[in-house]
């Protein structure tokens, strides 16, 4: 029995405009300093967060405290 796998590789030029816009928005979000800080804090243990005076549920409030009113 034979199997054939066909994979059409899509380059940046063949993507439609909406996919390219979405890729750009994802890139911006992933490279945002605040998002990177939140990811670093989420990677810490609860004990490490406690040493910084934080709880896991307060990470977003801490990272975005100057632009988010909650």
PDB file of N, CA and C in Angstrom:
ATOM      1  N   UNK A   1       0.852  -1.166   0.000  1.00  0.00           N
ATOM      2  CA  UNK A   1       0.000   0.000   0.000  1.00  0.00           C
ATOM      3  C   UNK A   1       0.901   1.232   0.000  1.00  0.00           C
ATOM      4  N   UNK A   2       0.577   2.197  -0.799  1.00  0.00           N
ATOM      5  CA  UNK A   2       1.378   3.411  -0.920  1.00  0.00           C
ATOM      6  C   UNK A   2       0.603   4.597  -0.365  1.00  0.00           C
ATOM      7  N   UNK A   3       1.331   5.493   0.264  1.00  0.00           N
ATOM      8  CA  UNK A   3       0.741   6.718   0.782  1.00  0.00           C
ATOM      9  C   UNK A   3       1.417   7.903   0.111  1.00  0.00           C
ATOM     10  N   UNK A   4       0.665   8.887  -0.156  1.00  0.00           N
ATOM     11  CA  UNK A   4       1.218  10.114  -0.732  1.00  0.00           C
ATOM     12  C   UNK A   4       0.813  11.277   0.161  1.00  0.00           C
ATOM     13  N   UNK A   5       1.771  12.109   0.442  1.00  0.00           N
ATOM     14  CA  UNK A   5       1.500  13.282   1.266  1.00  0.00           C
ATOM     15  C   UNK A   5       1.829  14.508   0.437  1.00  0.00           C
ATOM     16  N   UNK A   6       0.852  15.333   0.248  1.00  0.00           N
ATOM     17  CA  UNK A   6       1.049  16.552  -0.524  1.00  0.00           C
ATOM     18  C   UNK A   6       0.866  17.727   0.413  1.00  0.00           C
ATOM     19  N   UNK A   7       1.886  18.539   0.497  1.00  0.00           N
ATOM     20  CA  UNK A   7       1.837  19.708   1.374  1.00  0.00           C
ATOM     21  C   UNK A   7       2.177  20.932   0.540  1.00  0.00           C
ATOM     22  N   UNK A   8       1.252  21.814   0.421  1.00  0.00           N
ATOM     23  CA  UNK A   8       1.496  23.045  -0.333  1.00  0.00           C
ATOM     24  C   UNK A   8       2.120  24.061   0.608  1.00  0.00           C
ATOM     25  N   UNK A   9       3.374  24.326   0.414  1.00  0.00           N
ATOM     26  CA  UNK A   9       4.075  25.293   1.257  1.00  0.00           C
ATOM     27  C   UNK A   9       3.653  26.699   0.860  1.00  0.00           C
ATOM     28  N   UNK A  10       3.218  27.462   1.830  1.00  0.00           N
ATOM     29  CA  UNK A  10       2.778  28.829   1.558  1.00  0.00           C
ATOM     30  C   UNK A  10       3.868  29.793   1.963  1.00  0.00           C
ATOM     31  N   UNK A  11       4.261  30.612   1.056  1.00  0.00           N
ATOM     32  CA  UNK A  11       5.237  31.653   1.373  1.00  0.00           C
ATOM     33  C   UNK A  11       4.487  32.913   1.762  1.00  0.00           C
ATOM     34  N   UNK A  12       5.212  33.895   2.227  1.00  0.00           N
ATOM     35  CA  UNK A  12       4.593  35.153   2.628  1.00  0.00           C
ATOM     36  C   UNK A  12       3.833  35.825   1.501  1.00  0.00           C
ATOM     37  N   UNK A  13       4.281  35.653   0.273  1.00  0.00           N
ATOM     38  CA  UNK A  13       3.623  36.307  -0.852  1.00  0.00           C
ATOM     39  C   UNK A  13       2.287  35.666  -1.194  1.00  0.00           C
ATOM     40  N   UNK A  14       2.134  34.382  -0.893  1.00  0.00           N
ATOM     41  CA  UNK A  14       0.894  33.711  -1.269  1.00  0.00           C
ATOM     42  C   UNK A  14      -0.202  33.846  -0.208  1.00  0.00           C
ATOM     43  N   UNK A  15       0.122  34.392   0.959  1.00  0.00           N
ATOM     44  CA  UNK A  15      -0.893  34.583   1.989  1.00  0.00           C
ATOM     45  C   UNK A  15      -1.800  35.737   1.601  1.00  0.00           C
ATOM     46  N   UNK A  16      -3.062  35.595   1.953  1.00  0.00           N
ATOM     47  CA  UNK A  16      -3.960  36.717   1.665  1.00  0.00           C
ATOM     48  C   UNK A  16      -3.702  37.851   2.656  1.00  0.00           C
ATOM     49  N   UNK A  17      -4.242  38.986   2.371  1.00  0.00           N
ATOM     50  CA  UNK A  17      -3.973  40.189   3.160  1.00  0.00           C
ATOM     51  C   UNK A  17      -4.411  40.036   4.613  1.00  0.00           C
ATOM     52  N   UNK A  18      -5.512  39.332   4.856  1.00  0.00           N
ATOM     53  CA  UNK A  18      -6.006  39.171   6.226  1.00  0.00           C
ATOM     54  C   UNK A  18      -5.068  38.292   7.051  1.00  0.00           C
ATOM     55  N   UNK A  19      -4.534  37.244   6.438  1.00  0.00           N
ATOM     56  CA  UNK A  19      -3.588  36.378   7.145  1.00  0.00           C
ATOM     57  C   UNK A  19      -2.308  37.138   7.470  1.00  0.00           C
ATOM     58  N   UNK A  20      -1.871  37.989   6.564  1.00  0.00           N
ATOM     59  CA  UNK A  20      -0.660  38.768   6.802  1.00  0.00           C
ATOM     60  C   UNK A  20      -0.881  39.802   7.901  1.00  0.00           C
ATOM     61  N   UNK A  21      -2.050  40.423   7.927  1.00  0.00           N
ATOM     62  CA  UNK A  21      -2.373  41.381   8.994  1.00  0.00           C
ATOM     63  C   UNK A  21      -2.417  40.666  10.337  1.00  0.00           C
ATOM     64  N   UNK A  22      -3.061  39.500  10.373  1.00  0.00           N
ATOM     65  CA  UNK A  22      -3.144  38.731  11.610  1.00  0.00           C
ATOM     66  C   UNK A  22      -1.751  38.319  12.082  1.00  0.00           C
ATOM     67  N   UNK A  23      -0.901  37.871  11.170  1.00  0.00           N
ATOM     68  CA  UNK A  23       0.474  37.521  11.538  1.00  0.00           C
ATOM     69  C   UNK A  23       1.198  38.715  12.152  1.00  0.00           C
ATOM     70  N   UNK A  24       0.994  39.895  11.580  1.00  0.00           N
ATOM     71  CA  UNK A  24       1.614  41.102  12.120  1.00  0.00           C
ATOM     72  C   UNK A  24       1.115  41.434  13.510  1.00  0.00           C
ATOM     73  N   UNK A  25      -0.175  41.277  13.731  1.00  0.00           N
ATOM     74  CA  UNK A  25      -0.740  41.559  15.050  1.00  0.00           C
ATOM     75  C   UNK A  25      -0.221  40.564  16.083  1.00  0.00           C
ATOM     76  N   UNK A  26      -0.101  39.311  15.695  1.00  0.00           N
ATOM     77  CA  UNK A  26       0.441  38.300  16.601  1.00  0.00           C
ATOM     78  C   UNK A  26       1.893  38.625  16.937  1.00  0.00           C
ATOM     79  N   UNK A  27       2.671  39.027  15.932  1.00  0.00           N
ATOM     80  CA  UNK A  27       4.073  39.378  16.162  1.00  0.00           C
ATOM     81  C   UNK A  27       4.181  40.544  17.141  1.00  0.00           C
ATOM     82  N   UNK A  28       3.352  41.556  16.951  1.00  0.00           N
ATOM     83  CA  UNK A  28       3.367  42.715  17.849  1.00  0.00           C
ATOM     84  C   UNK A  28       3.036  42.283  19.272  1.00  0.00           C
ATOM     85  N   UNK A  29       2.001  41.455  19.419  1.00  0.00           N
ATOM     86  CA  UNK A  29       1.608  40.995  20.746  1.00  0.00           C
ATOM     87  C   UNK A  29       2.683  40.170  21.428  1.00  0.00           C
ATOM     88  N   UNK A  30       3.326  39.286  20.677  1.00  0.00           N
ATOM     89  CA  UNK A  30       4.353  38.429  21.263  1.00  0.00           C
ATOM     90  C   UNK A  30       5.619  39.193  21.618  1.00  0.00           C
ATOM     91  N   UNK A  31       5.878  40.292  20.959  1.00  0.00           N
ATOM     92  CA  UNK A  31       7.098  41.058  21.201  1.00  0.00           C
ATOM     93  C   UNK A  31       6.860  42.280  22.076  1.00  0.00           C
ATOM     94  N   UNK A  32       5.695  42.374  22.664  1.00  0.00           N
ATOM     95  CA  UNK A  32       5.364  43.473  23.552  1.00  0.00           C
ATOM     96  C   UNK A  32       6.094  43.270  24.880  1.00  0.00           C
ATOM     97  N   UNK A  33       6.730  44.323  25.365  1.00  0.00           N
ATOM     98  CA  UNK A  33       7.493  44.242  26.616  1.00  0.00           C
ATOM     99  C   UNK A  33       6.619  43.802  27.789  1.00  0.00           C
ATOM    100  N   UNK A  34       5.418  44.301  27.850  1.00  0.00           N
ATOM    101  CA  UNK A  34       4.528  43.957  28.965  1.00  0.00           C
ATOM    102  C   UNK A  34       4.112  42.486  28.909  1.00  0.00           C
ATOM    103  N   UNK A  35       3.834  42.000  27.715  1.00  0.00           N
ATOM    104  CA  UNK A  35       3.461  40.592  27.563  1.00  0.00           C
ATOM    105  C   UNK A  35       4.630  39.702  27.971  1.00  0.00           C
ATOM    106  N   UNK A  36       5.833  40.077  27.583  1.00  0.00           N
ATOM    107  CA  UNK A  36       7.015  39.302  27.967  1.00  0.00           C
ATOM    108  C   UNK A  36       7.216  39.318  29.479  1.00  0.00           C
ATOM    109  N   UNK A  37       6.953  40.461  30.105  1.00  0.00           N
ATOM    110  CA  UNK A  37       7.074  40.547  31.563  1.00  0.00           C
ATOM    111  C   UNK A  37       6.028  39.661  32.230  1.00  0.00           C
ATOM    112  N   UNK A  38       4.802  39.678  31.731  1.00  0.00           N
ATOM    113  CA  UNK A  38       3.747  38.835  32.294  1.00  0.00           C
ATOM    114  C   UNK A  38       4.092  37.359  32.126  1.00  0.00           C
ATOM    115  N   UNK A  39       4.632  36.974  30.981  1.00  0.00           N
ATOM    116  CA  UNK A  39       5.025  35.583  30.765  1.00  0.00           C
ATOM    117  C   UNK A  39       6.131  35.174  31.730  1.00  0.00           C
ATOM    118  N   UNK A  40       7.081  36.066  31.959  1.00  0.00           N
ATOM    119  CA  UNK A  40       8.166  35.764  32.899  1.00  0.00           C
ATOM    120  C   UNK A  40       7.622  35.588  34.313  1.00  0.00           C
ATOM    121  N   UNK A  41       6.692  36.426  34.710  1.00  0.00           N
ATOM    122  CA  UNK A  41       6.100  36.300  36.046  1.00  0.00           C
ATOM    123  C   UNK A  41       5.265  35.031  36.161  1.00  0.00           C
ATOM    124  N   UNK A  42       4.536  34.673  35.121  1.00  0.00           N
ATOM    125  CA  UNK A  42       3.746  33.435  35.148  1.00  0.00           C
ATOM    126  C   UNK A  42       4.637  32.203  35.231  1.00  0.00           C
ATOM    127  N   UNK A  43       5.865  32.300  34.745  1.00  0.00           N
ATOM    128  CA  UNK A  43       6.789  31.165  34.792  1.00  0.00           C
ATOM    129  C   UNK A  43       7.370  30.956  36.189  1.00  0.00           C
ATOM    130  N   UNK A  44       7.232  31.947  37.068  1.00  0.00           N
ATOM    131  CA  UNK A  44       7.767  31.845  38.427  1.00  0.00           C
ATOM    132  C   UNK A  44       6.861  30.987  39.298  1.00  0.00           C
ATOM    133  N   UNK A  45       7.451  30.451  40.354  1.00  0.00           N
ATOM    134  CA  UNK A  45       6.665  29.688  41.322  1.00  0.00           C
ATOM    135  C   UNK A  45       5.893  30.658  42.217  1.00  0.00           C
ATOM    136  N   UNK A  46       4.923  30.123  42.941  1.00  0.00           N
ATOM    137  CA  UNK A  46       4.145  30.958  43.855  1.00  0.00           C
ATOM    138  C   UNK A  46       5.037  31.562  44.941  1.00  0.00           C
ATOM    139  N   UNK A  47       6.057  30.814  45.355  1.00  0.00           N
ATOM    140  CA  UNK A  47       6.973  31.321  46.376  1.00  0.00           C
ATOM    141  C   UNK A  47       7.785  32.506  45.845  1.00  0.00           C
ATOM    142  N   UNK A  48       8.245  32.397  44.603  1.00  0.00           N
ATOM    143  CA  UNK A  48       9.002  33.499  44.007  1.00  0.00           C
ATOM    144  C   UNK A  48       8.125  34.735  43.842  1.00  0.00           C
ATOM    145  N   UNK A  49       6.877  34.520  43.469  1.00  0.00           N
ATOM    146  CA  UNK A  49       5.959  35.652  43.347  1.00  0.00           C
ATOM    147  C   UNK A  49       5.712  36.297  44.706  1.00  0.00           C
ATOM    148  N   UNK A  50       5.569  35.466  45.740  1.00  0.00           N
ATOM    149  CA  UNK A  50       5.335  35.986  47.088  1.00  0.00           C
ATOM    150  C   UNK A  50       6.516  36.837  47.554  1.00  0.00           C
ATOM    151  N   UNK A  51       7.738  36.448  47.177  1.00  0.00           N
ATOM    152  CA  UNK A  51       8.915  37.250  47.530  1.00  0.00           C
ATOM    153  C   UNK A  51       8.845  38.641  46.901  1.00  0.00           C
ATOM    154  N   UNK A  52       8.182  38.747  45.774  1.00  0.00           N
ATOM    155  CA  UNK A  52       8.012  40.036  45.092  1.00  0.00           C
ATOM    156  C   UNK A  52       6.740  40.746  45.540  1.00  0.00           C
ATOM    157  N   UNK A  53       6.008  40.124  46.444  1.00  0.00           N
ATOM    158  CA  UNK A  53       4.775  40.732  46.933  1.00  0.00           C
ATOM    159  C   UNK A  53       3.608  40.578  45.972  1.00  0.00           C
ATOM    160  N   UNK A  54       3.642  39.532  45.158  1.00  0.00           N
ATOM    161  CA  UNK A  54       2.591  39.308  44.160  1.00  0.00           C
ATOM    162  C   UNK A  54       1.906  37.972  44.370  1.00  0.00           C
ATOM    163  N   UNK A  55       0.670  37.919  43.934  1.00  0.00           N
ATOM    164  CA  UNK A  55      -0.054  36.658  43.824  1.00  0.00           C
ATOM    165  C   UNK A  55      -0.289  36.412  42.341  1.00  0.00           C
ATOM    166  N   UNK A  56      -0.455  35.165  41.965  1.00  0.00           N
ATOM    167  CA  UNK A  56      -0.616  34.810  40.558  1.00  0.00           C
ATOM    168  C   UNK A  56      -1.784  35.559  39.911  1.00  0.00           C
ATOM    169  N   UNK A  57      -2.865  35.729  40.625  1.00  0.00           N
ATOM    170  CA  UNK A  57      -4.041  36.406  40.051  1.00  0.00           C
ATOM    171  C   UNK A  57      -3.836  37.915  39.897  1.00  0.00           C
ATOM    172  N   UNK A  58      -2.769  38.451  40.485  1.00  0.00           N
ATOM    173  CA  UNK A  58      -2.497  39.889  40.390  1.00  0.00           C
ATOM    174  C   UNK A  58      -1.450  40.251  39.333  1.00  0.00           C
ATOM    175  N   UNK A  59      -0.966  39.271  38.581  1.00  0.00           N
ATOM    176  CA  UNK A  59       0.105  39.538  37.612  1.00  0.00           C
ATOM    177  C   UNK A  59      -0.338  40.546  36.557  1.00  0.00           C
ATOM    178  N   UNK A  60      -1.482  40.335  35.942  1.00  0.00           N
ATOM    179  CA  UNK A  60      -1.939  41.256  34.887  1.00  0.00           C
ATOM    180  C   UNK A  60      -2.134  42.660  35.444  1.00  0.00           C
ATOM    181  N   UNK A  61      -2.724  42.760  36.624  1.00  0.00           N
ATOM    182  CA  UNK A  61      -2.932  44.069  37.246  1.00  0.00           C
ATOM    183  C   UNK A  61      -1.594  44.752  37.521  1.00  0.00           C
ATOM    184  N   UNK A  62      -0.605  43.978  37.945  1.00  0.00           N
ATOM    185  CA  UNK A  62       0.720  44.536  38.228  1.00  0.00           C
ATOM    186  C   UNK A  62       1.414  45.006  36.948  1.00  0.00           C
ATOM    187  N   UNK A  63       1.392  44.179  35.912  1.00  0.00           N
ATOM    188  CA  UNK A  63       2.108  44.503  34.671  1.00  0.00           C
ATOM    189  C   UNK A  63       1.475  45.685  33.945  1.00  0.00           C
ATOM    190  N   UNK A  64       0.140  45.743  33.954  1.00  0.00           N
ATOM    191  CA  UNK A  64      -0.566  46.794  33.218  1.00  0.00           C
ATOM    192  C   UNK A  64      -1.112  47.882  34.141  1.00  0.00           C
ATOM    193  N   UNK A  65      -0.536  48.035  35.330  1.00  0.00           N
ATOM    194  CA  UNK A  65      -1.086  48.933  36.343  1.00  0.00           C
ATOM    195  C   UNK A  65      -1.163  50.393  35.909  1.00  0.00           C
ATOM    196  N   UNK A  66      -0.275  50.842  35.036  1.00  0.00           N
ATOM    197  CA  UNK A  66      -0.302  52.252  34.649  1.00  0.00           C
ATOM    198  C   UNK A  66      -1.266  52.550  33.506  1.00  0.00           C
ATOM    199  N   UNK A  67      -1.789  51.519  32.851  1.00  0.00           N
ATOM    200  CA  UNK A  67      -2.736  51.768  31.753  1.00  0.00           C
ATOM    201  C   UNK A  67      -4.075  51.087  31.968  1.00  0.00           C
ATOM    202  N   UNK A  68      -4.193  50.258  33.003  1.00  0.00           N
ATOM    203  CA  UNK A  68      -5.428  49.516  33.249  1.00  0.00           C
ATOM    204  C   UNK A  68      -6.003  49.952  34.588  1.00  0.00           C
ATOM    205  N   UNK A  69      -7.246  50.313  34.582  1.00  0.00           N
ATOM    206  CA  UNK A  69      -7.907  50.730  35.814  1.00  0.00           C
ATOM    207  C   UNK A  69      -8.853  49.633  36.247  1.00  0.00           C
ATOM    208  N   UNK A  70      -8.470  48.916  37.316  1.00  0.00           N
ATOM    209  CA  UNK A  70      -9.319  47.830  37.804  1.00  0.00           C
ATOM    210  C   UNK A  70      -9.385  47.876  39.313  1.00  0.00           C
TER     211      UNK A  70
END
